[in-house]
Amino acid sequence: MNTREKILTTAAFFFQKNGYHVTGLNKIITESETPKGSLYYHFPNGKEELVTATIKLIGDTIQHYLEEELSKNSNPVQAIEEFILDIAQKFNEKDQENCFSINLLALETVSISESLRKTCIEVYDLWTDTYYQKLVDSGFSSEKAKELSLILQLMIEGAITISLIRNDTTMLVSAAEKIPILLDNK
């Protein structure tokens, strides 16, 4: 792992665990075991640039995971159900600091920076487009897939957020159970 990757990986962990405002750059430098100059070399505009890169990293990681999971089953109902249940299982197996979403980081940062708000929108749109493509590839009309992909995004992200807050997976399991109803007819 190169220095930039070490900094980003460490930043992603601490921004998810402690939040944007609590996580200081010195903590990231110390924990990533990188020189202070390296952080400013790779992120010359400071913390905001680092958070932007972190949101993109988390977004890309989740995007790759989402595409991989949805490609395992040609049936969109089963693929999306299994994806949500897999998130629930991973939630139970690992510390919650592991990235399942950018929700909490997004909520904390969008009001402080237009650039961060736009980065979050890009990530959410990327995920919504992935659901859209899965539905279109499965025979849904473009119009119906557009509507349903947005609902899927809202439902899954909401279930993740509530699961984090409650420290249980009831909402994720409930969301998975509703997928057959939501995607009942094309």
C-alpha atoms as a PDB file:
ATOM      1  CA  MET A   1       0.000   0.000   0.000  1.00  0.00           C
ATOM      2  CA  ASN A   2       1.469   3.362  -0.985  1.00  0.00           C
ATOM      3  CA  THR A   3       1.481   6.426   1.269  1.00  0.00           C
ATOM      4  CA  ARG A   4      -1.639   7.984  -0.287  1.00  0.00           C
ATOM      5  CA  GLU A   5      -3.569   4.721   0.142  1.00  0.00           C
ATOM      6  CA  LYS A   6      -2.447   4.429   3.776  1.00  0.00           C
ATOM      7  CA  ILE A   7      -3.651   7.950   4.490  1.00  0.00           C
ATOM      8  CA  LEU A   8      -6.992   7.379   2.722  1.00  0.00           C
ATOM      9  CA  THR A   9      -7.639   4.012   4.352  1.00  0.00           C
ATOM     10  CA  THR A  10      -6.866   5.417   7.788  1.00  0.00           C
ATOM     11  CA  ALA A  11      -8.974   8.513   7.135  1.00  0.00           C
ATOM     12  CA  ALA A  12     -11.917   6.392   5.968  1.00  0.00           C
ATOM     13  CA  PHE A  13     -11.764   4.327   9.152  1.00  0.00           C
ATOM     14  CA  PHE A  14     -11.623   7.313  11.502  1.00  0.00           C
ATOM     15  CA  PHE A  15     -14.117   9.472   9.622  1.00  0.00           C
ATOM     16  CA  GLN A  16     -16.578   6.555   9.786  1.00  0.00           C
ATOM     17  CA  LYS A  17     -15.796   5.764  13.419  1.00  0.00           C
ATOM     18  CA  ASN A  18     -15.474   9.243  14.930  1.00  0.00           C
ATOM     19  CA  GLY A  19     -16.917  11.592  12.336  1.00  0.00           C
ATOM     20  CA  TYR A  20     -15.495  14.478  10.384  1.00  0.00           C
ATOM     21  CA  HIS A  21     -15.312  17.070  13.140  1.00  0.00           C
ATOM     22  CA  VAL A  22     -13.744  14.819  15.791  1.00  0.00           C
ATOM     23  CA  THR A  23     -11.121  13.269  13.510  1.00  0.00           C
ATOM     24  CA  GLY A  24      -8.053  15.444  13.341  1.00  0.00           C
ATOM     25  CA  LEU A  25      -5.383  15.324  10.699  1.00  0.00           C
ATOM     26  CA  ASN A  26      -2.729  14.574  13.336  1.00  0.00           C
ATOM     27  CA  LYS A  27      -4.645  11.402  14.310  1.00  0.00           C
ATOM     28  CA  ILE A  28      -4.710  10.290  10.664  1.00  0.00           C
ATOM     29  CA  ILE A  29      -0.982  11.000  10.260  1.00  0.00           C
ATOM     30  CA  THR A  30      -0.104   9.135  13.463  1.00  0.00           C
ATOM     31  CA  GLU A  31      -2.300   6.108  12.788  1.00  0.00           C
ATOM     32  CA  SER A  32      -1.288   5.815   9.125  1.00  0.00           C
ATOM     33  CA  GLU A  33       2.364   6.029  10.167  1.00  0.00           C
ATOM     34  CA  THR A  34       3.082   8.542   7.432  1.00  0.00           C
ATOM     35  CA  PRO A  35       5.031  11.792   7.583  1.00  0.00           C
ATOM     36  CA  LYS A  36       2.987  14.969   8.034  1.00  0.00           C
ATOM     37  CA  GLY A  37       4.399  16.318   4.788  1.00  0.00           C
ATOM     38  CA  SER A  38       2.948  13.345   2.910  1.00  0.00           C
ATOM     39  CA  LEU A  39      -0.593  14.271   3.869  1.00  0.00           C
ATOM     40  CA  TYR A  40      -0.135  17.792   2.553  1.00  0.00           C
ATOM     41  CA  TYR A  41       1.726  16.523  -0.511  1.00  0.00           C
ATOM     42  CA  HIS A  42      -1.176  14.248  -1.498  1.00  0.00           C
ATOM     43  CA  PHE A  43      -3.912  16.559  -0.196  1.00  0.00           C
ATOM     44  CA  PRO A  44      -2.548  20.110  -0.505  1.00  0.00           C
ATOM     45  CA  ASN A  45      -5.946  21.662   0.204  1.00  0.00           C
ATOM     46  CA  GLY A  46      -6.141  19.931   3.581  1.00  0.00           C
ATOM     47  CA  LYS A  47      -8.972  18.190   5.341  1.00  0.00           C
ATOM     48  CA  GLU A  48     -11.735  18.987   2.844  1.00  0.00           C
ATOM     49  CA  GLU A  49      -9.733  17.501  -0.025  1.00  0.00           C
ATOM     50  CA  LEU A  50      -8.958  14.448   2.117  1.00  0.00           C
ATOM     51  CA  VAL A  51     -12.644  13.983   2.981  1.00  0.00           C
ATOM     52  CA  THR A  52     -13.605  14.320  -0.686  1.00  0.00           C
ATOM     53  CA  ALA A  53     -11.119  11.600  -1.616  1.00  0.00           C
ATOM     54  CA  THR A  54     -12.321   9.481   1.303  1.00  0.00           C
ATOM     55  CA  ILE A  55     -15.971   9.738   0.222  1.00  0.00           C
ATOM     56  CA  LYS A  56     -14.949   8.730  -3.309  1.00  0.00           C
ATOM     57  CA  LEU A  57     -12.915   5.794  -1.961  1.00  0.00           C
ATOM     58  CA  ILE A  58     -15.799   4.559   0.181  1.00  0.00           C
ATOM     59  CA  GLY A  59     -18.180   5.105  -2.733  1.00  0.00           C
ATOM     60  CA  ASP A  60     -16.006   3.141  -5.146  1.00  0.00           C
ATOM     61  CA  THR A  61     -15.508   0.328  -2.632  1.00  0.00           C
ATOM     62  CA  ILE A  62     -19.239  -0.007  -2.058  1.00  0.00           C
ATOM     63  CA  GLN A  63     -19.913   0.323  -5.806  1.00  0.00           C
ATOM     64  CA  HIS A  64     -17.585  -2.572  -6.564  1.00  0.00           C
ATOM     65  CA  TYR A  65     -19.217  -4.659  -3.817  1.00  0.00           C
ATOM     66  CA  LEU A  66     -22.723  -3.767  -5.070  1.00  0.00           C
ATOM     67  CA  GLU A  67     -21.917  -4.711  -8.673  1.00  0.00           C
ATOM     68  CA  GLU A  68     -20.298  -7.949  -7.563  1.00  0.00           C
ATOM     69  CA  GLU A  69     -23.253  -8.943  -5.389  1.00  0.00           C
ATOM     70  CA  LEU A  70     -25.914  -8.019  -7.965  1.00  0.00           C
ATOM     71  CA  SER A  71     -24.123  -9.991 -10.688  1.00  0.00           C
ATOM     72  CA  LYS A  72     -24.363 -13.224  -8.670  1.00  0.00           C
ATOM     73  CA  ASN A  73     -28.040 -13.712  -9.515  1.00  0.00           C
ATOM     74  CA  SER A  74     -29.867 -12.856 -12.754  1.00  0.00           C
ATOM     75  CA  ASN A  75     -33.191 -12.487 -10.910  1.00  0.00           C
ATOM     76  CA  PRO A  76     -33.266  -8.874  -9.656  1.00  0.00           C
ATOM     77  CA  VAL A  77     -35.549  -9.665  -6.706  1.00  0.00           C
ATOM     78  CA  GLN A  78     -33.261 -12.396  -5.419  1.00  0.00           C
ATOM     79  CA  ALA A  79     -30.089 -10.427  -6.223  1.00  0.00           C
ATOM     80  CA  ILE A  80     -31.200  -7.340  -4.301  1.00  0.00           C
ATOM     81  CA  GLU A  81     -32.650  -9.366  -1.410  1.00  0.00           C
ATOM     82  CA  GLU A  82     -29.396 -11.288  -1.100  1.00  0.00           C
ATOM     83  CA  PHE A  83     -27.373  -8.059  -1.297  1.00  0.00           C
ATOM     84  CA  ILE A  84     -29.304  -6.519   1.602  1.00  0.00           C
ATOM     85  CA  LEU A  85     -29.137  -9.698   3.673  1.00  0.00           C
ATOM     86  CA  ASP A  86     -25.399  -9.880   3.002  1.00  0.00           C
ATOM     87  CA  ILE A  87     -25.023  -6.342   4.371  1.00  0.00           C
ATOM     88  CA  ALA A  88     -26.989  -7.440   7.452  1.00  0.00           C
ATOM     89  CA  GLN A  89     -24.736 -10.459   7.931  1.00  0.00           C
ATOM     90  CA  LYS A  90     -21.564  -8.396   7.500  1.00  0.00           C
ATOM     91  CA  PHE A  91     -22.997  -5.862   9.935  1.00  0.00           C
ATOM     92  CA  ASN A  92     -23.306  -8.617  12.540  1.00  0.00           C
ATOM     93  CA  GLU A  93     -19.864 -10.090  11.832  1.00  0.00           C
ATOM     94  CA  LYS A  94     -17.738  -6.939  11.846  1.00  0.00           C
ATOM     95  CA  ASP A  95     -17.303  -3.692  13.665  1.00  0.00           C
ATOM     96  CA  GLN A  96     -19.774  -1.132  12.426  1.00  0.00           C
ATOM     97  CA  GLU A  97     -16.929   1.145  11.402  1.00  0.00           C
ATOM     98  CA  ASN A  98     -16.558  -0.936   8.269  1.00  0.00           C
ATOM     99  CA  CYS A  99     -17.996   1.019   5.404  1.00  0.00           C
ATOM    100  CA  PHE A 100     -21.528   0.069   4.436  1.00  0.00           C
ATOM    101  CA  SER A 101     -22.568   3.582   3.471  1.00  0.00           C
ATOM    102  CA  ILE A 102     -21.508   7.209   3.348  1.00  0.00           C
ATOM    103  CA  ASN A 103     -24.719   8.353   5.066  1.00  0.00           C
ATOM    104  CA  LEU A 104     -23.304   9.462   8.375  1.00  0.00           C
ATOM    105  CA  LEU A 105     -20.249  11.129   6.880  1.00  0.00           C
ATOM    106  CA  ALA A 106     -22.431  12.800   4.256  1.00  0.00           C
ATOM    107  CA  LEU A 107     -24.862  14.173   6.833  1.00  0.00           C
ATOM    108  CA  GLU A 108     -22.007  15.651   8.830  1.00  0.00           C
ATOM    109  CA  THR A 109     -20.206  17.299   5.907  1.00  0.00           C
ATOM    110  CA  VAL A 110     -22.741  18.454   3.296  1.00  0.00           C
ATOM    111  CA  SER A 111     -23.622  21.632   5.164  1.00  0.00           C
ATOM    112  CA  ILE A 112     -20.001  22.772   5.414  1.00  0.00           C
ATOM    113  CA  SER A 113     -18.992  22.443   1.776  1.00  0.00           C
ATOM    114  CA  GLU A 114     -20.678  22.585  -1.608  1.00  0.00           C
ATOM    115  CA  SER A 115     -17.865  20.448  -2.995  1.00  0.00           C
ATOM    116  CA  LEU A 116     -18.490  17.703  -0.419  1.00  0.00           C
ATOM    117  CA  ARG A 117     -22.235  17.861  -1.092  1.00  0.00           C
ATOM    118  CA  LYS A 118     -21.617  17.365  -4.819  1.00  0.00           C
ATOM    119  CA  THR A 119     -19.232  14.474  -4.153  1.00  0.00           C
ATOM    120  CA  CYS A 120     -21.900  12.744  -2.046  1.00  0.00           C
ATOM    121  CA  ILE A 121     -24.473  13.264  -4.799  1.00  0.00           C
ATOM    122  CA  GLU A 122     -22.096  11.680  -7.333  1.00  0.00           C
ATOM    123  CA  VAL A 123     -21.626   8.622  -5.125  1.00  0.00           C
ATOM    124  CA  TYR A 124     -25.344   8.180  -4.439  1.00  0.00           C
ATOM    125  CA  ASP A 125     -26.118   8.626  -8.151  1.00  0.00           C
ATOM    126  CA  LEU A 126     -23.536   5.978  -9.029  1.00  0.00           C
ATOM    127  CA  TRP A 127     -25.203   3.479  -6.685  1.00  0.00           C
ATOM    128  CA  THR A 128     -28.703   4.382  -7.912  1.00  0.00           C
ATOM    129  CA  ASP A 129     -27.530   3.893 -11.501  1.00  0.00           C
ATOM    130  CA  THR A 130     -26.297   0.410 -10.580  1.00  0.00           C
ATOM    131  CA  TYR A 131     -29.750  -0.577  -9.316  1.00  0.00           C
ATOM    132  CA  TYR A 132     -31.250   1.023 -12.437  1.00  0.00           C
ATOM    133  CA  GLN A 133     -28.998  -0.989 -14.747  1.00  0.00           C
ATOM    134  CA  LYS A 134     -29.795  -4.240 -12.937  1.00  0.00           C
ATOM    135  CA  LEU A 135     -33.525  -3.596 -13.343  1.00  0.00           C
ATOM    136  CA  VAL A 136     -33.279  -2.594 -17.018  1.00  0.00           C
ATOM    137  CA  ASP A 137     -31.115  -5.627 -17.752  1.00  0.00           C
ATOM    138  CA  SER A 138     -33.827  -7.730 -16.095  1.00  0.00           C
ATOM    139  CA  GLY A 139     -36.605  -6.424 -18.344  1.00  0.00           C
ATOM    140  CA  PHE A 140     -37.981  -3.434 -16.446  1.00  0.00           C
ATOM    141  CA  SER A 141     -38.863  -0.426 -18.581  1.00  0.00           C
ATOM    142  CA  SER A 142     -36.481   2.500 -18.300  1.00  0.00           C
ATOM    143  CA  GLU A 143     -39.143   4.652 -16.645  1.00  0.00           C
ATOM    144  CA  LYS A 144     -40.070   1.993 -14.068  1.00  0.00           C
ATOM    145  CA  ALA A 145     -36.410   1.137 -13.404  1.00  0.00           C
ATOM    146  CA  LYS A 146     -35.614   4.810 -12.789  1.00  0.00           C
ATOM    147  CA  GLU A 147     -38.410   5.109 -10.228  1.00  0.00           C
ATOM    148  CA  LEU A 148     -37.606   1.809  -8.498  1.00  0.00           C
ATOM    149  CA  SER A 149     -33.852   2.365  -8.391  1.00  0.00           C
ATOM    150  CA  LEU A 150     -34.371   5.598  -6.476  1.00  0.00           C
ATOM    151  CA  ILE A 151     -36.751   3.868  -4.056  1.00  0.00           C
ATOM    152  CA  LEU A 152     -34.244   1.038  -3.587  1.00  0.00           C
ATOM    153  CA  GLN A 153     -31.470   3.520  -2.845  1.00  0.00           C
ATOM    154  CA  LEU A 154     -33.599   5.361  -0.296  1.00  0.00           C
ATOM    155  CA  MET A 155     -34.832   2.181   1.353  1.00  0.00           C
ATOM    156  CA  ILE A 156     -31.425   0.514   1.635  1.00  0.00           C
ATOM    157  CA  GLU A 157     -29.577   3.624   2.833  1.00  0.00           C
ATOM    158  CA  GLY A 158     -32.333   4.322   5.351  1.00  0.00           C
ATOM    159  CA  ALA A 159     -32.207   0.748   6.626  1.00  0.00           C
ATOM    160  CA  ILE A 160     -28.427   0.953   6.999  1.00  0.00           C
ATOM    161  CA  THR A 161     -28.667   4.215   8.938  1.00  0.00           C
ATOM    162  CA  ILE A 162     -31.344   2.937  11.306  1.00  0.00           C
ATOM    163  CA  SER A 163     -29.445  -0.329  11.765  1.00  0.00           C
ATOM    164  CA  LEU A 164     -26.357   1.645  12.764  1.00  0.00           C
ATOM    165  CA  ILE A 165     -28.342   3.800  15.172  1.00  0.00           C
ATOM    166  CA  ARG A 166     -30.167   0.849  16.767  1.00  0.00           C
ATOM    167  CA  ASN A 167     -27.175  -1.460  16.579  1.00  0.00           C
ATOM    168  CA  ASP A 168     -29.244  -4.247  15.083  1.00  0.00           C
ATOM    169  CA  THR A 169     -30.190  -5.475  11.639  1.00  0.00           C
ATOM    170  CA  THR A 170     -33.969  -5.596  11.968  1.00  0.00           C
ATOM    171  CA  MET A 171     -34.471  -2.791   9.450  1.00  0.00           C
ATOM    172  CA  LEU A 172     -32.114  -4.370   6.911  1.00  0.00           C
ATOM    173  CA  VAL A 173     -33.890  -7.711   7.166  1.00  0.00           C
ATOM    174  CA  SER A 174     -37.254  -5.959   6.891  1.00  0.00           C
ATOM    175  CA  ALA A 175     -36.088  -4.071   3.790  1.00  0.00           C
ATOM    176  CA  ALA A 176     -34.929  -7.333   2.200  1.00  0.00           C
ATOM    177  CA  GLU A 177     -38.318  -8.919   2.908  1.00  0.00           C
ATOM    178  CA  LYS A 178     -40.079  -6.058   1.051  1.00  0.00           C
ATOM    179  CA  ILE A 179     -38.078  -6.404  -2.176  1.00  0.00           C
ATOM    180  CA  PRO A 180     -40.474  -8.976  -3.737  1.00  0.00           C
ATOM    181  CA  ILE A 181     -43.395  -6.607  -3.094  1.00  0.00           C
ATOM    182  CA  LEU A 182     -41.538  -3.570  -4.457  1.00  0.00           C
ATOM    183  CA  LEU A 183     -40.363  -5.364  -7.605  1.00  0.00           C
ATOM    184  CA  ASP A 184     -43.537  -7.421  -8.055  1.00  0.00           C
ATOM    185  CA  ASN A 185     -44.447  -6.377 -11.572  1.00  0.00           C
ATOM    186  CA  LYS A 186     -42.528  -4.876 -14.416  1.00  0.00           C
END
